[in-house]
Amino acid sequence: SLNSWEKDFLKMEKKLKEDYMDLFDPLGSANVDPFMPAKLRIFEANRVDIESNGSTDSLRKEGVYKLSSRINHSCSPNGSAEWRAEAPVKIEVRADPELHWCPAGQLGEETAATG
């Protein structure tokens, strides 16, 4: 029997499936089971917790977002990824030169956040 995430994956449009499979796959990294299906490795590596914003629902909600999955981690970030109460399943990503020690606003500079 298929897990719910596998059923959801099968329902996705072809382009969304391709975009998902293009996300980071940790195969070959330390502590990664090489026999784990690629779709699950990608989910594990790119997922984020979706805040419930006061919901009493006890189920854990997680998702994979194409663009926010591309944000790198940094201990000296120049951006942030935040949830907004008015749109609980959308992530707002902001580049913020005030957060980073480098000169601000360089066009093409990679955005990195903590978390």
PDB file of N, CA and C in Angstrom:
ATOM      1  N   SER A   1       0.835  -1.185   0.000  1.00  0.00           N
ATOM      2  CA  SER A   1       0.000   0.000   0.000  1.00  0.00           C
ATOM      3  C   SER A   1       0.884   1.254   0.000  1.00  0.00           C
ATOM      4  N   LEU A   2       0.456   2.272  -0.716  1.00  0.00           N
ATOM      5  CA  LEU A   2       1.221   3.510  -0.809  1.00  0.00           C
ATOM      6  C   LEU A   2       0.979   4.390   0.404  1.00  0.00           C
ATOM      7  N   ASN A   3       2.034   5.075   0.854  1.00  0.00           N
ATOM      8  CA  ASN A   3       1.902   6.073   1.918  1.00  0.00           C
ATOM      9  C   ASN A   3       1.171   7.282   1.359  1.00  0.00           C
ATOM     10  N   SER A   4       0.658   8.134   2.244  1.00  0.00           N
ATOM     11  CA  SER A   4      -0.083   9.312   1.782  1.00  0.00           C
ATOM     12  C   SER A   4       0.796  10.233   0.942  1.00  0.00           C
ATOM     13  N   TRP A   5       2.082  10.373   1.303  1.00  0.00           N
ATOM     14  CA  TRP A   5       2.953  11.258   0.512  1.00  0.00           C
ATOM     15  C   TRP A   5       3.188  10.683  -0.879  1.00  0.00           C
ATOM     16  N   GLU A   6       3.221   9.360  -0.995  1.00  0.00           N
ATOM     17  CA  GLU A   6       3.382   8.742  -2.311  1.00  0.00           C
ATOM     18  C   GLU A   6       2.135   8.967  -3.163  1.00  0.00           C
ATOM     19  N   LYS A   7       0.963   8.867  -2.555  1.00  0.00           N
ATOM     20  CA  LYS A   7      -0.286   9.133  -3.269  1.00  0.00           C
ATOM     21  C   LYS A   7      -0.332  10.585  -3.727  1.00  0.00           C
ATOM     22  N   ASP A   8       0.075  11.502  -2.836  1.00  0.00           N
ATOM     23  CA  ASP A   8       0.097  12.924  -3.198  1.00  0.00           C
ATOM     24  C   ASP A   8       1.064  13.168  -4.357  1.00  0.00           C
ATOM     25  N   PHE A   9       2.212  12.506  -4.329  1.00  0.00           N
ATOM     26  CA  PHE A   9       3.194  12.669  -5.402  1.00  0.00           C
ATOM     27  C   PHE A   9       2.609  12.199  -6.735  1.00  0.00           C
ATOM     28  N   LEU A  10       1.932  11.077  -6.741  1.00  0.00           N
ATOM     29  CA  LEU A  10       1.350  10.544  -7.967  1.00  0.00           C
ATOM     30  C   LEU A  10       0.280  11.463  -8.551  1.00  0.00           C
ATOM     31  N   LYS A  11      -0.394  12.243  -7.703  1.00  0.00           N
ATOM     32  CA  LYS A  11      -1.443  13.175  -8.150  1.00  0.00           C
ATOM     33  C   LYS A  11      -0.866  14.459  -8.745  1.00  0.00           C
ATOM     34  N   MET A  12       0.403  14.729  -8.491  1.00  0.00           N
ATOM     35  CA  MET A  12       1.010  15.987  -8.938  1.00  0.00           C
ATOM     36  C   MET A  12       1.138  16.037 -10.461  1.00  0.00           C
ATOM     37  N   GLU A  13       1.063  17.241 -11.007  1.00  0.00           N
ATOM     38  CA  GLU A  13       1.291  17.442 -12.439  1.00  0.00           C
ATOM     39  C   GLU A  13       2.737  17.087 -12.771  1.00  0.00           C
ATOM     40  N   LYS A  14       2.975  16.734 -14.016  1.00  0.00           N
ATOM     41  CA  LYS A  14       4.302  16.292 -14.460  1.00  0.00           C
ATOM     42  C   LYS A  14       5.385  17.328 -14.152  1.00  0.00           C
ATOM     43  N   LYS A  15       5.129  18.612 -14.418  1.00  0.00           N
ATOM     44  CA  LYS A  15       6.122  19.668 -14.189  1.00  0.00           C
ATOM     45  C   LYS A  15       6.462  19.782 -12.705  1.00  0.00           C
ATOM     46  N   LEU A  16       5.455  19.673 -11.826  1.00  0.00           N
ATOM     47  CA  LEU A  16       5.712  19.735 -10.388  1.00  0.00           C
ATOM     48  C   LEU A  16       6.559  18.550  -9.928  1.00  0.00           C
ATOM     49  N   LYS A  17       6.292  17.374 -10.494  1.00  0.00           N
ATOM     50  CA  LYS A  17       7.099  16.197 -10.166  1.00  0.00           C
ATOM     51  C   LYS A  17       8.552  16.414 -10.589  1.00  0.00           C
ATOM     52  N   GLU A  18       8.742  16.970 -11.781  1.00  0.00           N
ATOM     53  CA  GLU A  18      10.099  17.231 -12.274  1.00  0.00           C
ATOM     54  C   GLU A  18      10.809  18.243 -11.379  1.00  0.00           C
ATOM     55  N   ASP A  19      10.105  19.317 -11.005  1.00  0.00           N
ATOM     56  CA  ASP A  19      10.690  20.331 -10.121  1.00  0.00           C
ATOM     57  C   ASP A  19      11.070  19.719  -8.782  1.00  0.00           C
ATOM     58  N   TYR A  20      10.207  18.877  -8.249  1.00  0.00           N
ATOM     59  CA  TYR A  20      10.466  18.214  -6.966  1.00  0.00           C
ATOM     60  C   TYR A  20      11.710  17.340  -7.060  1.00  0.00           C
ATOM     61  N   MET A  21      11.798  16.546  -8.112  1.00  0.00           N
ATOM     62  CA  MET A  21      12.927  15.624  -8.263  1.00  0.00           C
ATOM     63  C   MET A  21      14.238  16.361  -8.536  1.00  0.00           C
ATOM     64  N   ASP A  22      14.160  17.640  -8.922  1.00  0.00           N
ATOM     65  CA  ASP A  22      15.364  18.462  -9.138  1.00  0.00           C
ATOM     66  C   ASP A  22      15.897  19.073  -7.845  1.00  0.00           C
ATOM     67  N   LEU A  23      15.142  18.958  -6.737  1.00  0.00           N
ATOM     68  CA  LEU A  23      15.612  19.498  -5.464  1.00  0.00           C
ATOM     69  C   LEU A  23      16.768  18.653  -4.936  1.00  0.00           C
ATOM     70  N   PHE A  24      17.429  19.161  -3.906  1.00  0.00           N
ATOM     71  CA  PHE A  24      18.597  18.495  -3.335  1.00  0.00           C
ATOM     72  C   PHE A  24      18.267  17.071  -2.891  1.00  0.00           C
ATOM     73  N   ASP A  25      19.079  16.135  -3.351  1.00  0.00           N
ATOM     74  CA  ASP A  25      18.990  14.727  -2.938  1.00  0.00           C
ATOM     75  C   ASP A  25      20.291  14.401  -2.215  1.00  0.00           C
ATOM     76  N   PRO A  26      20.213  14.043  -0.933  1.00  0.00           N
ATOM     77  CA  PRO A  26      21.429  13.818  -0.156  1.00  0.00           C
ATOM     78  C   PRO A  26      22.118  12.481  -0.400  1.00  0.00           C
ATOM     79  N   LEU A  27      21.742  11.756  -1.453  1.00  0.00           N
ATOM     80  CA  LEU A  27      22.376  10.469  -1.731  1.00  0.00           C
ATOM     81  C   LEU A  27      23.892  10.646  -1.791  1.00  0.00           C
ATOM     82  N   GLY A  28      24.604   9.810  -1.081  1.00  0.00           N
ATOM     83  CA  GLY A  28      26.052   9.889  -1.026  1.00  0.00           C
ATOM     84  C   GLY A  28      26.561  10.656   0.182  1.00  0.00           C
ATOM     85  N   SER A  29      25.662  11.380   0.866  1.00  0.00           N
ATOM     86  CA  SER A  29      26.055  12.091   2.085  1.00  0.00           C
ATOM     87  C   SER A  29      26.155  11.103   3.236  1.00  0.00           C
ATOM     88  N   ALA A  30      26.879  11.490   4.261  1.00  0.00           N
ATOM     89  CA  ALA A  30      27.006  10.638   5.446  1.00  0.00           C
ATOM     90  C   ALA A  30      25.638  10.412   6.078  1.00  0.00           C
ATOM     91  N   ASN A  31      25.443   9.264   6.649  1.00  0.00           N
ATOM     92  CA  ASN A  31      24.219   8.904   7.373  1.00  0.00           C
ATOM     93  C   ASN A  31      22.958   8.892   6.510  1.00  0.00           C
ATOM     94  N   VAL A  32      23.087   8.663   5.218  1.00  0.00           N
ATOM     95  CA  VAL A  32      21.920   8.568   4.339  1.00  0.00           C
ATOM     96  C   VAL A  32      21.806   7.134   3.855  1.00  0.00           C
ATOM     97  N   ASP A  33      20.626   6.565   4.035  1.00  0.00           N
ATOM     98  CA  ASP A  33      20.359   5.197   3.603  1.00  0.00           C
ATOM     99  C   ASP A  33      20.279   5.154   2.081  1.00  0.00           C
ATOM    100  N   PRO A  34      21.224   4.495   1.407  1.00  0.00           N
ATOM    101  CA  PRO A  34      21.210   4.469  -0.055  1.00  0.00           C
ATOM    102  C   PRO A  34      20.031   3.690  -0.625  1.00  0.00           C
ATOM    103  N   PHE A  35      19.335   2.920   0.214  1.00  0.00           N
ATOM    104  CA  PHE A  35      18.195   2.141  -0.257  1.00  0.00           C
ATOM    105  C   PHE A  35      16.866   2.874  -0.062  1.00  0.00           C
ATOM    106  N   MET A  36      16.911   4.049   0.575  1.00  0.00           N
ATOM    107  CA  MET A  36      15.709   4.862   0.735  1.00  0.00           C
ATOM    108  C   MET A  36      15.322   5.413  -0.636  1.00  0.00           C
ATOM    109  N   PRO A  37      14.033   5.379  -0.998  1.00  0.00           N
ATOM    110  CA  PRO A  37      13.623   5.919  -2.299  1.00  0.00           C
ATOM    111  C   PRO A  37      14.006   7.393  -2.447  1.00  0.00           C
ATOM    112  N   ALA A  38      14.394   7.788  -3.652  1.00  0.00           N
ATOM    113  CA  ALA A  38      14.822   9.164  -3.916  1.00  0.00           C
ATOM    114  C   ALA A  38      13.764  10.173  -3.486  1.00  0.00           C
ATOM    115  N   LYS A  39      12.489   9.903  -3.770  1.00  0.00           N
ATOM    116  CA  LYS A  39      11.425  10.852  -3.399  1.00  0.00           C
ATOM    117  C   LYS A  39      11.417  11.105  -1.900  1.00  0.00           C
ATOM    118  N   LEU A  40      11.645  10.079  -1.114  1.00  0.00           N
ATOM    119  CA  LEU A  40      11.647  10.230   0.340  1.00  0.00           C
ATOM    120  C   LEU A  40      12.914  10.946   0.823  1.00  0.00           C
ATOM    121  N   ARG A  41      14.073  10.629   0.210  1.00  0.00           N
ATOM    122  CA  ARG A  41      15.317  11.337   0.581  1.00  0.00           C
ATOM    123  C   ARG A  41      15.165  12.831   0.314  1.00  0.00           C
ATOM    124  N   ILE A  42      14.590  13.174  -0.823  1.00  0.00           N
ATOM    125  CA  ILE A  42      14.388  14.581  -1.186  1.00  0.00           C
ATOM    126  C   ILE A  42      13.446  15.247  -0.191  1.00  0.00           C
ATOM    127  N   PHE A  43      12.381  14.551   0.185  1.00  0.00           N
ATOM    128  CA  PHE A  43      11.449  15.105   1.170  1.00  0.00           C
ATOM    129  C   PHE A  43      12.153  15.337   2.498  1.00  0.00           C
ATOM    130  N   GLU A  44      12.887  14.356   2.964  1.00  0.00           N
ATOM    131  CA  GLU A  44      13.586  14.468   4.248  1.00  0.00           C
ATOM    132  C   GLU A  44      14.579  15.628   4.251  1.00  0.00           C
ATOM    133  N   ALA A  45      15.261  15.846   3.131  1.00  0.00           N
ATOM    134  CA  ALA A  45      16.296  16.880   3.059  1.00  0.00           C
ATOM    135  C   ALA A  45      15.731  18.288   2.866  1.00  0.00           C
ATOM    136  N   ASN A  46      14.538  18.407   2.286  1.00  0.00           N
ATOM    137  CA  ASN A  46      14.012  19.716   1.892  1.00  0.00           C
ATOM    138  C   ASN A  46      12.744  20.140   2.625  1.00  0.00           C
ATOM    139  N   ARG A  47      12.223  19.304   3.489  1.00  0.00           N
ATOM    140  CA  ARG A  47      10.948  19.607   4.141  1.00  0.00           C
ATOM    141  C   ARG A  47      11.090  20.713   5.184  1.00  0.00           C
ATOM    142  N   VAL A  48       9.966  21.362   5.418  1.00  0.00           N
ATOM    143  CA  VAL A  48       9.872  22.363   6.478  1.00  0.00           C
ATOM    144  C   VAL A  48       8.609  22.081   7.278  1.00  0.00           C
ATOM    145  N   ASP A  49       8.644  22.421   8.553  1.00  0.00           N
ATOM    146  CA  ASP A  49       7.437  22.340   9.372  1.00  0.00           C
ATOM    147  C   ASP A  49       6.539  23.506   8.996  1.00  0.00           C
ATOM    148  N   ILE A  50       5.270  23.222   8.845  1.00  0.00           N
ATOM    149  CA  ILE A  50       4.297  24.262   8.541  1.00  0.00           C
ATOM    150  C   ILE A  50       3.629  24.637   9.847  1.00  0.00           C
ATOM    151  N   GLU A  51       3.784  25.877  10.235  1.00  0.00           N
ATOM    152  CA  GLU A  51       3.237  26.333  11.507  1.00  0.00           C
ATOM    153  C   GLU A  51       1.726  26.234  11.503  1.00  0.00           C
ATOM    154  N   SER A  52       1.180  25.881  12.638  1.00  0.00           N
ATOM    155  CA  SER A  52      -0.266  25.747  12.762  1.00  0.00           C
ATOM    156  C   SER A  52      -0.939  27.070  13.105  1.00  0.00           C
ATOM    157  N   ASN A  53      -0.169  28.077  13.505  1.00  0.00           N
ATOM    158  CA  ASN A  53      -0.703  29.400  13.846  1.00  0.00           C
ATOM    159  C   ASN A  53      -1.878  29.310  14.815  1.00  0.00           C
ATOM    160  N   GLY A  54      -1.667  28.582  15.921  1.00  0.00           N
ATOM    161  CA  GLY A  54      -2.676  28.508  16.961  1.00  0.00           C
ATOM    162  C   GLY A  54      -3.671  27.379  16.792  1.00  0.00           C
ATOM    163  N   SER A  55      -3.526  26.586  15.760  1.00  0.00           N
ATOM    164  CA  SER A  55      -4.441  25.479  15.544  1.00  0.00           C
ATOM    165  C   SER A  55      -4.298  24.459  16.667  1.00  0.00           C
ATOM    166  N   THR A  56      -5.401  23.839  17.020  1.00  0.00           N
ATOM    167  CA  THR A  56      -5.367  22.792  18.039  1.00  0.00           C
ATOM    168  C   THR A  56      -5.143  21.422  17.402  1.00  0.00           C
ATOM    169  N   ASP A  57      -4.978  21.384  16.104  1.00  0.00           N
ATOM    170  CA  ASP A  57      -4.723  20.138  15.387  1.00  0.00           C
ATOM    171  C   ASP A  57      -3.373  19.585  15.830  1.00  0.00           C
ATOM    172  N   SER A  58      -3.361  18.349  16.302  1.00  0.00           N
ATOM    173  CA  SER A  58      -2.123  17.766  16.825  1.00  0.00           C
ATOM    174  C   SER A  58      -1.283  17.085  15.743  1.00  0.00           C
ATOM    175  N   LEU A  59      -1.787  17.003  14.521  1.00  0.00           N
ATOM    176  CA  LEU A  59      -1.016  16.373  13.458  1.00  0.00           C
ATOM    177  C   LEU A  59       0.135  17.276  13.027  1.00  0.00           C
ATOM    178  N   ARG A  60       1.278  16.691  12.817  1.00  0.00           N
ATOM    179  CA  ARG A  60       2.442  17.446  12.346  1.00  0.00           C
ATOM    180  C   ARG A  60       2.267  17.705  10.860  1.00  0.00           C
ATOM    181  N   LYS A  61       2.448  18.932  10.463  1.00  0.00           N
ATOM    182  CA  LYS A  61       2.305  19.299   9.053  1.00  0.00           C
ATOM    183  C   LYS A  61       3.675  19.685   8.513  1.00  0.00           C
ATOM    184  N   GLU A  62       4.035  19.084   7.394  1.00  0.00           N
ATOM    185  CA  GLU A  62       5.310  19.373   6.757  1.00  0.00           C
ATOM    186  C   GLU A  62       5.067  19.548   5.268  1.00  0.00           C
ATOM    187  N   GLY A  63       5.938  20.291   4.640  1.00  0.00           N
ATOM    188  CA  GLY A  63       5.812  20.503   3.214  1.00  0.00           C
ATOM    189  C   GLY A  63       7.165  20.767   2.585  1.00  0.00           C
ATOM    190  N   VAL A  64       7.178  20.723   1.265  1.00  0.00           N
ATOM    191  CA  VAL A  64       8.371  21.045   0.487  1.00  0.00           C
ATOM    192  C   VAL A  64       7.995  22.198  -0.431  1.00  0.00           C
ATOM    193  N   TYR A  65       8.787  23.249  -0.369  1.00  0.00           N
ATOM    194  CA  TYR A  65       8.562  24.436  -1.169  1.00  0.00           C
ATOM    195  C   TYR A  65       9.739  24.594  -2.131  1.00  0.00           C
ATOM    196  N   LYS A  66       9.423  24.706  -3.410  1.00  0.00           N
ATOM    197  CA  LYS A  66      10.451  24.741  -4.448  1.00  0.00           C
ATOM    198  C   LYS A  66      11.507  25.825  -4.204  1.00  0.00           C
ATOM    199  N   LEU A  67      11.089  27.046  -3.992  1.00  0.00           N
ATOM    200  CA  LEU A  67      12.056  28.133  -3.879  1.00  0.00           C
ATOM    201  C   LEU A  67      12.715  28.190  -2.508  1.00  0.00           C
ATOM    202  N   SER A  68      11.944  28.002  -1.443  1.00  0.00           N
ATOM    203  CA  SER A  68      12.565  28.086  -0.127  1.00  0.00           C
ATOM    204  C   SER A  68      13.505  26.915   0.121  1.00  0.00           C
ATOM    205  N   SER A  69      13.312  25.811  -0.594  1.00  0.00           N
ATOM    206  CA  SER A  69      14.236  24.679  -0.468  1.00  0.00           C
ATOM    207  C   SER A  69      15.607  25.014  -1.038  1.00  0.00           C
ATOM    208  N   ARG A  70      15.688  26.039  -1.847  1.00  0.00           N
ATOM    209  CA  ARG A  70      16.955  26.452  -2.457  1.00  0.00           C
ATOM    210  C   ARG A  70      17.761  27.401  -1.578  1.00  0.00           C
ATOM    211  N   ILE A  71      17.164  27.854  -0.468  1.00  0.00           N
ATOM    212  CA  ILE A  71      17.867  28.794   0.409  1.00  0.00           C
ATOM    213  C   ILE A  71      18.888  28.030   1.245  1.00  0.00           C
ATOM    214  N   ASN A  72      20.096  28.485   1.226  1.00  0.00           N
ATOM    215  CA  ASN A  72      21.149  27.857   2.008  1.00  0.00           C
ATOM    216  C   ASN A  72      21.147  28.366   3.439  1.00  0.00           C
ATOM    217  N   HIS A  73      21.673  27.544   4.330  1.00  0.00           N
ATOM    218  CA  HIS A  73      21.828  27.940   5.732  1.00  0.00           C
ATOM    219  C   HIS A  73      23.117  28.733   5.889  1.00  0.00           C
ATOM    220  N   SER A  74      23.089  29.703   6.792  1.00  0.00           N
ATOM    221  CA  SER A  74      24.292  30.459   7.105  1.00  0.00           C
ATOM    222  C   SER A  74      24.240  30.911   8.555  1.00  0.00           C
ATOM    223  N   CYS A  75      25.395  30.904   9.208  1.00  0.00           N
ATOM    224  CA  CYS A  75      25.484  31.448  10.569  1.00  0.00           C
ATOM    225  C   CYS A  75      25.592  32.966  10.537  1.00  0.00           C
ATOM    226  N   SER A  76      25.837  33.532   9.359  1.00  0.00           N
ATOM    227  CA  SER A  76      25.799  34.985   9.191  1.00  0.00           C
ATOM    228  C   SER A  76      24.864  35.279   8.006  1.00  0.00           C
ATOM    229  N   PRO A  77      23.551  35.139   8.235  1.00  0.00           N
ATOM    230  CA  PRO A  77      22.577  35.221   7.139  1.00  0.00           C
ATOM    231  C   PRO A  77      22.413  36.625   6.568  1.00  0.00           C
ATOM    232  N   ASN A  78      21.950  36.691   5.329  1.00  0.00           N
ATOM    233  CA  ASN A  78      21.604  37.963   4.711  1.00  0.00           C
ATOM    234  C   ASN A  78      20.129  37.973   4.315  1.00  0.00           C
ATOM    235  N   GLY A  79      19.361  37.049   4.881  1.00  0.00           N
ATOM    236  CA  GLY A  79      17.942  36.973   4.580  1.00  0.00           C
ATOM    237  C   GLY A  79      17.209  36.153   5.618  1.00  0.00           C
ATOM    238  N   SER A  80      15.908  36.048   5.428  1.00  0.00           N
ATOM    239  CA  SER A  80      15.096  35.265   6.356  1.00  0.00           C
ATOM    240  C   SER A  80      13.931  34.641   5.605  1.00  0.00           C
ATOM    241  N   ALA A  81      13.438  33.547   6.134  1.00  0.00           N
ATOM    242  CA  ALA A  81      12.237  32.893   5.620  1.00  0.00           C
ATOM    243  C   ALA A  81      11.264  32.822   6.783  1.00  0.00           C
ATOM    244  N   GLU A  82      10.080  33.393   6.595  1.00  0.00           N
ATOM    245  CA  GLU A  82       9.132  33.500   7.698  1.00  0.00           C
ATOM    246  C   GLU A  82       7.735  33.096   7.254  1.00  0.00           C
ATOM    247  N   TRP A  83       6.961  32.625   8.220  1.00  0.00           N
ATOM    248  CA  TRP A  83       5.552  32.321   8.026  1.00  0.00           C
ATOM    249  C   TRP A  83       4.749  33.559   8.381  1.00  0.00           C
ATOM    250  N   ARG A  84       3.645  33.741   7.707  1.00  0.00           N
ATOM    251  CA  ARG A  84       2.730  34.842   8.006  1.00  0.00           C
ATOM    252  C   ARG A  84       1.390  34.259   8.444  1.00  0.00           C
ATOM    253  N   ALA A  85       0.818  34.796   9.507  1.00  0.00           N
ATOM    254  CA  ALA A  85      -0.449  34.298  10.046  1.00  0.00           C
ATOM    255  C   ALA A  85      -1.574  34.366   9.016  1.00  0.00           C
ATOM    256  N   GLU A  86      -1.558  35.397   8.163  1.00  0.00           N
ATOM    257  CA  GLU A  86      -2.634  35.561   7.187  1.00  0.00           C
ATOM    258  C   GLU A  86      -2.543  34.562   6.016  1.00  0.00           C
ATOM    259  N   ALA A  87      -1.408  33.910   5.867  1.00  0.00           N
ATOM    260  CA  ALA A  87      -1.223  32.917   4.802  1.00  0.00           C
ATOM    261  C   ALA A  87      -0.385  31.773   5.372  1.00  0.00           C
ATOM    262  N   PRO A  88      -1.002  30.905   6.196  1.00  0.00           N
ATOM    263  CA  PRO A  88      -0.239  29.929   6.979  1.00  0.00           C
ATOM    264  C   PRO A  88       0.511  28.860   6.192  1.00  0.00           C
ATOM    265  N   VAL A  89       0.267  28.697   4.901  1.00  0.00           N
ATOM    266  CA  VAL A  89       1.029  27.698   4.154  1.00  0.00           C
ATOM    267  C   VAL A  89       1.952  28.337   3.119  1.00  0.00           C
ATOM    268  N   LYS A  90       2.164  29.646   3.246  1.00  0.00           N
ATOM    269  CA  LYS A  90       3.083  30.360   2.358  1.00  0.00           C
ATOM    270  C   LYS A  90       4.269  30.853   3.164  1.00  0.00           C
ATOM    271  N   ILE A  91       5.435  30.814   2.555  1.00  0.00           N
ATOM    272  CA  ILE A  91       6.652  31.297   3.197  1.00  0.00           C
ATOM    273  C   ILE A  91       7.060  32.604   2.533  1.00  0.00           C
ATOM    274  N   GLU A  92       7.336  33.593   3.365  1.00  0.00           N
ATOM    275  CA  GLU A  92       7.834  34.867   2.844  1.00  0.00           C
ATOM    276  C   GLU A  92       9.343  34.882   3.007  1.00  0.00           C
ATOM    277  N   VAL A  93      10.054  35.083   1.905  1.00  0.00           N
ATOM    278  CA  VAL A  93      11.508  35.117   1.924  1.00  0.00           C
ATOM    279  C   VAL A  93      11.945  36.547   1.660  1.00  0.00           C
ATOM    280  N   ARG A  94      12.826  37.052   2.526  1.00  0.00           N
ATOM    281  CA  ARG A  94      13.305  38.428   2.389  1.00  0.00           C
ATOM    282  C   ARG A  94      14.822  38.463   2.429  1.00  0.00           C
ATOM    283  N   ALA A  95      15.402  39.164   1.484  1.00  0.00           N
ATOM    284  CA  ALA A  95      16.831  39.462   1.553  1.00  0.00           C
ATOM    285  C   ALA A  95      16.962  40.695   2.436  1.00  0.00           C
ATOM    286  N   ASP A  96      17.841  40.647   3.399  1.00  0.00           N
ATOM    287  CA  ASP A  96      17.990  41.747   4.349  1.00  0.00           C
ATOM    288  C   ASP A  96      19.466  42.044   4.560  1.00  0.00           C
ATOM    289  N   PRO A  97      19.995  43.045   3.859  1.00  0.00           N
ATOM    290  CA  PRO A  97      21.416  43.368   3.987  1.00  0.00           C
ATOM    291  C   PRO A  97      21.829  43.755   5.404  1.00  0.00           C
ATOM    292  N   GLU A  98      20.887  44.173   6.246  1.00  0.00           N
ATOM    293  CA  GLU A  98      21.193  44.527   7.631  1.00  0.00           C
ATOM    294  C   GLU A  98      21.638  43.306   8.442  1.00  0.00           C
ATOM    295  N   LEU A  99      21.239  42.112   7.997  1.00  0.00           N
ATOM    296  CA  LEU A  99      21.564  40.891   8.732  1.00  0.00           C
ATOM    297  C   LEU A  99      22.957  40.351   8.422  1.00  0.00           C
ATOM    298  N   HIS A 100      23.600  40.871   7.421  1.00  0.00           N
ATOM    299  CA  HIS A 100      24.825  40.252   6.915  1.00  0.00           C
ATOM    300  C   HIS A 100      26.016  41.189   7.069  1.00  0.00           C
ATOM    301  N   TRP A 101      27.157  40.642   7.309  1.00  0.00           N
ATOM    302  CA  TRP A 101      28.357  41.460   7.508  1.00  0.00           C
ATOM    303  C   TRP A 101      28.937  41.987   6.203  1.00  0.00           C
ATOM    304  N   CYS A 102      28.530  41.437   5.059  1.00  0.00           N
ATOM    305  CA  CYS A 102      29.053  41.878   3.757  1.00  0.00           C
ATOM    306  C   CYS A 102      28.388  43.183   3.330  1.00  0.00           C
ATOM    307  N   PRO A 103      28.989  43.882   2.384  1.00  0.00           N
ATOM    308  CA  PRO A 103      28.336  45.069   1.834  1.00  0.00           C
ATOM    309  C   PRO A 103      26.954  44.713   1.299  1.00  0.00           C
ATOM    310  N   ALA A 104      26.000  45.585   1.514  1.00  0.00           N
ATOM    311  CA  ALA A 104      24.598  45.282   1.204  1.00  0.00           C
ATOM    312  C   ALA A 104      24.266  45.400  -0.275  1.00  0.00           C
ATOM    313  N   GLY A 105      23.233  44.628  -0.636  1.00  0.00           N
ATOM    314  CA  GLY A 105      22.578  44.811  -1.909  1.00  0.00           C
ATOM    315  C   GLY A 105      23.358  44.444  -3.156  1.00  0.00           C
ATOM    316  N   GLN A 106      24.277  43.544  -3.090  1.00  0.00           N
ATOM    317  CA  GLN A 106      25.012  43.171  -4.283  1.00  0.00           C
ATOM    318  C   GLN A 106      24.115  42.322  -5.167  1.00  0.00           C
ATOM    319  N   LEU A 107      23.882  42.774  -6.378  1.00  0.00           N
ATOM    320  CA  LEU A 107      23.031  42.076  -7.319  1.00  0.00           C
ATOM    321  C   LEU A 107      23.579  40.668  -7.563  1.00  0.00           C
ATOM    322  N   GLY A 108      22.712  39.693  -7.463  1.00  0.00           N
ATOM    323  CA  GLY A 108      23.121  38.316  -7.707  1.00  0.00           C
ATOM    324  C   GLY A 108      23.690  37.598  -6.494  1.00  0.00           C
ATOM    325  N   GLU A 109      23.800  38.293  -5.347  1.00  0.00           N
ATOM    326  CA  GLU A 109      24.337  37.673  -4.152  1.00  0.00           C
ATOM    327  C   GLU A 109      23.389  36.580  -3.670  1.00  0.00           C
ATOM    328  N   GLU A 110      23.939  35.447  -3.315  1.00  0.00           N
ATOM    329  CA  GLU A 110      23.145  34.329  -2.811  1.00  0.00           C
ATOM    330  C   GLU A 110      22.488  34.695  -1.490  1.00  0.00           C
ATOM    331  N   THR A 111      21.222  34.345  -1.328  1.00  0.00           N
ATOM    332  CA  THR A 111      20.520  34.568  -0.075  1.00  0.00           C
ATOM    333  C   THR A 111      20.671  33.355   0.817  1.00  0.00           C
ATOM    334  N   ALA A 112      21.029  33.575   2.060  1.00  0.00           N
ATOM    335  CA  ALA A 112      21.174  32.494   3.040  1.00  0.00           C
ATOM    336  C   ALA A 112      20.455  32.909   4.309  1.00  0.00           C
ATOM    337  N   ALA A 113      19.845  31.928   4.970  1.00  0.00           N
ATOM    338  CA  ALA A 113      19.088  32.196   6.193  1.00  0.00           C
ATOM    339  C   ALA A 113      19.480  31.215   7.267  1.00  0.00           C
ATOM    340  N   THR A 114      19.058  31.490   8.481  1.00  0.00           N
ATOM    341  CA  THR A 114      19.274  30.541   9.567  1.00  0.00           C
ATOM    342  C   THR A 114      18.077  29.614   9.653  1.00  0.00           C
ATOM    343  N   GLY A 115      18.213  28.555  10.452  1.00  0.00           N
ATOM    344  CA  GLY A 115      17.055  27.713  10.682  1.00  0.00           C
ATOM    345  C   GLY A 115      17.166  26.366  10.187  1.00  0.00           C
TER     346      GLY A 115
END
